[in-house]
Protein backbone atom coordinates (compact mmCIF):
# COMPACT_ATOMS: atom_id res chain seq x y z
CA MET A 1 -0.08 -0.10 -0.17
CA LYS A 2 1.24 3.43 -0.91
CA PHE A 3 0.46 6.28 1.42
CA ASP A 4 -1.52 9.57 -0.20
CA ARG A 5 2.32 11.43 0.65
CA ALA A 6 5.61 10.78 1.71
CA TYR A 7 5.88 10.71 5.38
CA THR A 8 9.55 10.97 7.45
CA ILE A 9 10.34 8.41 10.19
CA VAL A 10 9.64 11.06 12.54
CA GLU A 11 6.25 11.54 11.53
CA ILE A 12 5.54 7.70 11.70
CA ALA A 13 7.09 7.33 15.03
CA ASN A 14 5.06 10.31 16.50
CA LEU A 15 1.87 8.52 15.33
CA LEU A 16 2.90 5.05 16.86
CA GLN A 17 4.58 6.78 19.70
CA LEU A 18 7.88 4.53 19.08
CA GLU A 19 11.40 5.22 19.36
CA PHE A 20 13.29 5.27 15.71
CA VAL A 21 17.09 4.80 14.77
CA GLY A 22 18.29 6.50 11.33
CA ASP A 23 17.99 9.98 9.88
CA PRO A 24 15.08 11.91 11.01
CA GLN A 25 14.13 13.20 7.36
CA HIS A 26 14.37 9.33 6.31
CA VAL A 27 11.15 9.29 3.99
CA VAL A 28 8.52 6.45 4.41
CA SER A 29 6.13 6.16 1.35
CA GLY A 30 4.37 2.87 1.97
CA LEU A 31 4.13 -0.51 3.60
CA ASN A 32 4.11 -3.86 2.35
CA GLU A 33 4.48 -7.52 3.59
CA ILE A 34 7.81 -8.99 3.03
CA HIS A 35 7.30 -10.79 -0.26
CA ARG A 36 6.20 -7.66 -2.10
CA VAL A 37 8.35 -4.73 -0.78
CA GLU A 38 9.81 -2.17 -2.50
CA SER A 39 12.07 0.93 -1.75
CA GLY A 40 10.30 3.39 0.17
CA ASP A 41 8.07 0.67 1.96
CA LEU A 42 8.01 -0.18 5.82
CA VAL A 43 7.94 -3.96 6.65
CA PHE A 44 7.63 -5.55 9.81
CA VAL A 45 9.45 -8.09 11.40
CA ASP A 46 9.21 -9.77 14.90
CA HIS A 47 11.38 -12.64 15.02
CA PRO A 48 15.22 -13.23 14.97
CA LYS A 49 14.88 -16.31 12.56
CA TYR A 50 13.73 -13.57 9.96
CA TYR A 51 15.74 -10.27 10.90
CA ASP A 52 18.49 -10.82 7.99
CA LYS A 53 15.62 -11.09 5.35
CA ALA A 54 13.69 -8.12 6.63
CA LEU A 55 16.97 -6.04 7.06
CA GLU A 56 18.30 -6.96 3.44
CA SER A 57 15.08 -6.80 1.73
CA ASN A 58 13.73 -3.92 -0.83
CA ALA A 59 12.06 -2.25 2.24
CA THR A 60 13.95 0.90 3.65
CA THR A 61 12.12 1.07 6.77
CA ILE A 62 11.88 -1.89 9.21
CA LEU A 63 9.54 -2.26 12.18
CA ILE A 64 11.50 -4.56 14.35
CA ASP A 65 11.30 -5.63 18.17
CA LYS A 66 14.53 -5.23 18.94
CA LYS A 67 17.79 -2.47 18.29
CA VAL A 68 20.20 -4.27 15.92
CA GLU A 69 22.52 -2.47 13.46
CA CYS A 70 20.64 -0.19 10.88
CA PRO A 71 21.99 -0.87 7.48
CA VAL A 72 23.11 2.10 5.36
CA GLY A 73 20.38 4.03 3.75
CA LYS A 74 17.67 2.58 5.95
CA ALA A 75 15.81 3.28 8.86
CA LEU A 76 14.52 1.16 12.01
CA LEU A 77 11.29 1.92 14.20
CA LEU A 78 11.28 -0.13 17.39
CA SER A 79 8.20 -1.50 18.56
CA PRO A 80 7.87 -4.35 21.72
CA HIS A 81 4.64 -5.69 19.23
CA PRO A 82 5.63 -5.05 15.62
CA PHE A 83 2.48 -6.87 14.20
CA HIS A 84 0.27 -4.77 16.40
CA SER A 85 1.79 -1.64 15.12
CA TYR A 86 1.85 -2.71 11.48
CA ASN A 87 -1.92 -3.28 11.77
CA ALA A 88 -2.15 0.06 13.58
CA LEU A 89 -0.55 1.67 10.49
CA VAL A 90 -2.91 -0.31 7.90
CA ASN A 91 -6.11 0.76 10.27
CA HIS A 92 -4.78 4.27 9.89
CA PHE A 93 -3.74 4.99 6.43
CA SER A 94 -6.46 2.53 4.92
CA PRO A 95 -9.47 2.51 7.39
CA ALA A 96 -12.11 0.06 6.66
CA VAL A 97 -15.11 1.63 4.77
CA TYR A 98 -18.47 -0.07 4.29
CA SER A 99 -21.18 0.21 1.97
CA LYS A 100 -24.44 -0.23 3.03
CA VAL A 101 -26.13 0.14 -0.60
CA GLU A 102 -26.03 -2.65 -3.44
CA ARG A 103 -23.86 -0.57 -5.42
CA ALA A 104 -21.59 2.10 -3.85
CA ALA A 105 -21.79 5.92 -5.54
CA SER A 106 -17.69 5.73 -5.72
CA ALA A 107 -17.94 2.52 -8.21
CA LYS A 108 -17.10 3.14 -11.79
CA ILE A 109 -18.70 1.11 -14.52
CA GLY A 110 -17.52 1.37 -18.19
CA LYS A 111 -19.54 1.86 -21.13
CA GLY A 112 -21.56 -1.22 -22.35
CA SER A 113 -20.94 -3.17 -19.03
CA ILE A 114 -23.72 -5.09 -17.80
CA VAL A 115 -24.20 -5.63 -14.53
CA MET A 116 -26.90 -7.84 -13.25
CA PRO A 117 -29.39 -7.73 -10.09
CA GLY A 118 -27.86 -8.69 -7.15
CA VAL A 119 -24.52 -7.96 -7.66
CA PHE A 120 -22.71 -5.98 -4.89
CA VAL A 121 -20.11 -3.65 -6.23
CA GLY A 122 -18.08 -1.80 -3.06
CA GLU A 123 -16.53 1.31 -2.85
CA ASN A 124 -13.97 2.26 -5.39
CA VAL A 125 -14.63 -0.63 -7.66
CA GLU A 126 -13.75 -0.08 -11.26
CA ILE A 127 -15.44 -1.69 -14.08
CA GLY A 128 -14.08 -1.35 -17.79
CA GLU A 129 -16.07 -1.65 -20.81
CA ASN A 130 -18.22 -4.23 -22.20
CA CYS A 131 -18.16 -6.33 -19.10
CA LEU A 132 -20.48 -8.76 -17.95
CA ILE A 133 -21.33 -9.65 -14.35
CA HIS A 134 -23.77 -12.20 -13.33
CA PRO A 135 -26.04 -12.09 -10.35
CA GLN A 136 -24.71 -12.75 -6.78
CA VAL A 137 -20.95 -11.72 -7.74
CA VAL A 138 -19.59 -9.77 -4.64
CA LEU A 139 -16.71 -7.42 -5.69
CA TYR A 140 -14.99 -6.18 -2.57
CA ASN A 141 -13.77 -2.40 -2.48
CA ASN A 142 -10.91 -0.95 -4.38
CA THR A 143 -11.33 -4.07 -6.98
CA LYS A 144 -10.15 -2.84 -10.43
CA ILE A 145 -11.66 -4.71 -13.56
CA GLY A 146 -10.32 -4.55 -17.23
CA ASN A 147 -12.41 -4.27 -20.12
CA ASN A 148 -14.44 -7.57 -21.73
CA VAL A 149 -14.60 -9.38 -18.65
CA ILE A 150 -17.01 -12.20 -17.56
CA ILE A 151 -17.33 -13.12 -13.99
CA HIS A 152 -19.92 -15.94 -13.35
CA SER A 153 -22.74 -16.33 -10.43
CA GLY A 154 -21.72 -16.70 -6.92
CA THR A 155 -18.00 -15.28 -7.12
CA ILE A 156 -16.41 -13.27 -4.72
CA ILE A 157 -13.69 -11.11 -5.42
CA GLY A 158 -11.52 -9.49 -2.90
CA ALA A 159 -12.08 -11.24 0.32
CA ASP A 160 -9.53 -10.87 3.02
CA ALA A 161 -6.28 -12.34 3.07
CA PHE A 162 -6.14 -15.95 5.03
CA TYR A 163 -3.47 -14.66 7.10
CA TYR A 164 -2.91 -15.00 10.89
CA LYS A 165 -0.23 -14.71 13.38
CA ARG A 166 -0.17 -17.44 16.20
CA SER A 167 -0.25 -16.07 19.52
CA ALA A 168 -0.84 -17.20 23.43
CA ALA A 169 -4.73 -16.12 22.96
CA GLY A 170 -5.24 -17.69 19.72
CA PHE A 171 -4.85 -16.52 16.21
CA GLU A 172 -4.63 -12.73 15.48
CA LYS A 173 -5.43 -11.38 12.04
CA PHE A 174 -3.44 -9.58 9.50
CA THR A 175 -5.42 -6.71 8.38
CA SER A 176 -5.66 -6.42 4.48
CA CYS A 177 -5.46 -3.68 2.69
CA GLY A 178 -4.56 -4.87 -0.85
CA ASN A 179 -7.07 -5.23 -3.63
CA VAL A 180 -7.71 -7.58 -6.99
CA VAL A 181 -6.70 -6.31 -10.17
CA ILE A 182 -8.39 -8.39 -13.14
CA GLU A 183 -7.03 -7.56 -16.57
CA ASP A 184 -8.68 -7.31 -19.77
CA ALA A 185 -10.56 -10.62 -21.42
CA VAL A 186 -10.49 -12.48 -18.19
CA GLU A 187 -13.34 -14.97 -17.52
CA ILE A 188 -13.80 -16.41 -13.96
CA GLY A 189 -16.51 -19.20 -13.83
CA ALA A 190 -19.06 -19.75 -11.00
CA LEU A 191 -18.19 -19.89 -7.03
CA CYS A 192 -14.68 -18.67 -7.51
CA THR A 193 -13.02 -16.93 -4.91
CA VAL A 194 -10.27 -14.44 -5.29
CA ASP A 195 -8.45 -13.07 -1.93
CA ARG A 196 -6.87 -9.49 -1.90
CA GLY A 197 -3.66 -8.91 -1.35
CA VAL A 198 -2.29 -8.30 2.16
CA SER A 199 -0.86 -4.84 1.30
CA SER A 200 -0.51 -5.32 -2.10
CA SER A 201 -2.57 -6.50 -5.45
CA THR A 202 -3.70 -9.99 -6.28
CA ILE A 203 -3.58 -9.78 -10.33
CA ILE A 204 -5.08 -12.07 -12.92
CA GLY A 205 -3.50 -11.49 -16.31
CA SER A 206 -5.43 -10.62 -19.35
CA GLY A 207 -6.80 -13.53 -21.60
CA THR A 208 -6.99 -15.87 -18.29
CA LYS A 209 -9.86 -18.11 -18.09
CA ILE A 210 -10.94 -19.91 -15.13
CA ASP A 211 -13.24 -22.80 -14.33
CA ASN A 212 -15.79 -22.97 -11.50
CA HIS A 213 -15.04 -23.58 -7.94
CA VAL A 214 -11.54 -22.21 -8.01
CA GLN A 215 -9.71 -20.48 -5.05
CA ILE A 216 -6.83 -18.02 -5.68
CA GLY A 217 -5.17 -16.47 -2.68
CA HIS A 218 -3.70 -13.30 -1.56
CA ASP A 219 -1.02 -11.28 -3.58
CA THR A 220 -0.83 -14.08 -5.85
CA VAL A 221 0.47 -12.64 -9.44
CA ILE A 222 -0.97 -14.97 -12.65
CA GLY A 223 -0.04 -14.05 -15.92
CA LYS A 224 -1.49 -13.86 -19.30
CA ASN A 225 -3.51 -16.65 -21.06
CA CYS A 226 -3.63 -19.34 -18.20
CA LEU A 227 -6.05 -21.93 -18.16
CA PHE A 228 -7.43 -23.26 -14.65
CA ALA A 229 -10.02 -25.90 -14.63
CA SER A 230 -12.58 -26.64 -11.57
CA HIS A 231 -11.42 -27.20 -7.96
CA VAL A 232 -7.63 -25.84 -8.50
CA GLY A 233 -6.44 -24.19 -5.20
CA ILE A 234 -3.48 -21.74 -5.09
CA ALA A 235 -1.88 -20.15 -1.98
CA GLY A 236 -0.65 -16.72 -0.99
CA VAL A 237 2.14 -15.20 -2.89
CA VAL A 238 2.35 -17.37 -5.51
CA ASN A 239 4.00 -16.52 -9.16
CA ILE A 240 2.41 -18.14 -12.14
CA GLU A 241 3.61 -17.03 -15.55
CA ASP A 242 2.20 -16.64 -18.68
CA ARG A 243 0.21 -19.87 -20.55
CA VAL A 244 0.29 -21.77 -17.52
CA THR A 245 -2.45 -24.70 -17.30
CA LEU A 246 -3.60 -26.37 -14.23
CA TRP A 247 -6.21 -28.96 -14.50
CA GLY A 248 -8.70 -30.03 -11.82
CA GLN A 249 -7.65 -30.50 -8.24
CA VAL A 250 -4.15 -29.21 -8.72
CA GLY A 251 -3.03 -27.74 -5.32
CA VAL A 252 -0.44 -24.98 -5.21
CA PRO A 253 1.50 -24.05 -2.04
CA SER A 254 2.60 -20.45 -1.12
CA ASN A 255 5.81 -18.94 -2.22
CA VAL A 256 6.57 -20.72 -5.16
CA THR A 257 6.92 -20.11 -9.12
CA ILE A 258 5.16 -22.08 -12.01
CA GLY A 259 7.36 -21.15 -15.24
CA ALA A 260 5.65 -20.09 -18.60
CA GLY A 261 3.66 -22.46 -20.57
CA ALA A 262 3.98 -25.26 -17.93
CA VAL A 263 1.14 -27.65 -17.61
CA LEU A 264 -0.16 -29.67 -14.53
CA LEU A 265 -2.17 -32.78 -14.79
CA GLY A 266 -5.25 -33.19 -12.85
CA GLN A 267 -4.61 -33.53 -9.08
CA THR A 268 -1.30 -32.77 -9.28
CA GLY A 269 0.42 -31.27 -6.03
CA ILE A 270 3.85 -29.57 -6.45
CA MET A 271 6.11 -28.64 -3.42
CA LYS A 272 8.41 -26.30 -4.86
CA SER A 273 8.66 -24.10 -7.87
CA VAL A 274 8.88 -25.80 -11.18
CA GLU A 275 10.06 -24.89 -14.65
CA GLY A 276 8.00 -23.63 -17.70
CA ASN A 277 6.94 -25.70 -21.03
CA THR A 278 6.89 -28.78 -19.25
CA THR A 279 3.95 -31.40 -18.27
CA TYR A 280 3.59 -32.72 -14.39
CA PHE A 281 1.59 -34.83 -12.65
CA GLY A 282 1.65 -36.51 -9.53
CA SER A 283 2.13 -35.33 -5.37
CA PRO A 284 4.77 -34.59 -4.88
CA ALA A 285 5.04 -33.56 -8.75
CA MET A 286 7.35 -35.18 -11.34
CA GLU A 287 7.67 -34.50 -14.99
CA SER A 288 4.82 -36.72 -16.02
CA ARG A 289 6.46 -38.96 -18.51
CA ASP A 290 8.79 -40.12 -15.47
CA LYS A 291 5.98 -40.07 -12.97
CA LEU A 292 3.78 -42.51 -15.39
CA LYS A 293 6.45 -44.78 -15.97
CA GLU A 294 6.85 -44.83 -12.06
CA ILE A 295 3.47 -45.85 -11.59
CA ALA A 296 3.80 -48.79 -14.44
CA LEU A 297 6.47 -50.06 -12.20
CA VAL A 298 4.66 -49.94 -9.04
CA ARG A 299 1.66 -51.80 -10.65
CA ARG A 300 4.16 -54.76 -11.81
CA LEU A 301 5.65 -54.85 -8.25
CA PRO A 302 3.44 -58.09 -7.18
CA GLU A 303 4.73 -59.77 -10.43
CA LEU A 304 8.37 -58.45 -10.10
CA THR A 305 8.14 -59.77 -6.14
CA GLU A 306 6.85 -63.19 -7.22
CA ARG A 307 9.45 -63.58 -9.82
CA VAL A 308 12.38 -62.47 -7.25
CA LEU A 309 10.88 -65.29 -4.78
CA GLU A 310 11.03 -67.91 -7.44
CA LEU A 311 14.76 -67.01 -8.15
CA GLU A 312 15.56 -67.27 -4.49
CA LYS A 313 13.67 -70.37 -4.49
CA LYS A 314 15.93 -72.17 -7.33
CA LEU A 315 19.05 -70.38 -5.77
CA LYS A 316 18.87 -72.17 -2.47
CA GLU A 317 17.80 -75.85 -4.28
CA LEU A 318 20.90 -75.24 -6.52
CA GLU A 319 22.98 -74.49 -3.31
CA LYS A 320 21.48 -77.78 -1.88
CA LEU A 321 22.64 -79.74 -5.00
CA ASP A 322 26.20 -78.20 -4.78
CA LYS A 323 26.69 -79.51 -1.05
């Protein structure tokens, strides 16, 4: 999330009532979670295991729970509870706004677009030209939709990220302030869910087609002309490059990349990033040809085991004759 203007570290520290380390004129222009930070962003860290990752990231302001050496050109904000301080910033700069009408007055709908009865259109939603939005679709605040997009009934765009911090009291929610961006000529089937980014955008690239009952997690970026079949589940912070095909019931964990042109056959589950222009199958995924050979060999195990036992029996008989 980018702020409405650049703030000095002093202004941010005063807002949160925190001590800071660094140049008082150090500039903070936005905030983001660790996977999407850019120069000018603030990021939080509250565990020594991740200190180096945060300090060495592109973020130039680090909200941290311990005084450490400050990298050159960066600043630190010292908080006993960085998670709570981060959420306080989100709530200050992006306070929740709830529309009480079916179509918010701030929404913009382009020429030739049809928004059917029963569609909820939240605050600051933008719908491009010649779109078709079917009944019972929900478009949460700040969703951006390009031209020639079709969204089928019951689909929900922009729900909060599934992102929590475990504490002694249970799970504390990470406040979402990102959005969803759907580019031109995308079609999304019925009963799909696309979560908004935690503090940036979940993006679906132009020309991508998505079947019914598909889940796309927060901050995931999907390339152009991808094809997803029913019951695909994609976690948060996934990078899916152009022309990727995911067949039914494929599962994708967080923080992985699927290379351009890759094909994941039905029920495939990847455990790590995979290269493009290759077909994968199985869980954990392998190149489909290798996996199918493996399956063929597994089916022959009873036969092969029986042959081995027969050979062992004959070998013992020969040993007896030698004696």
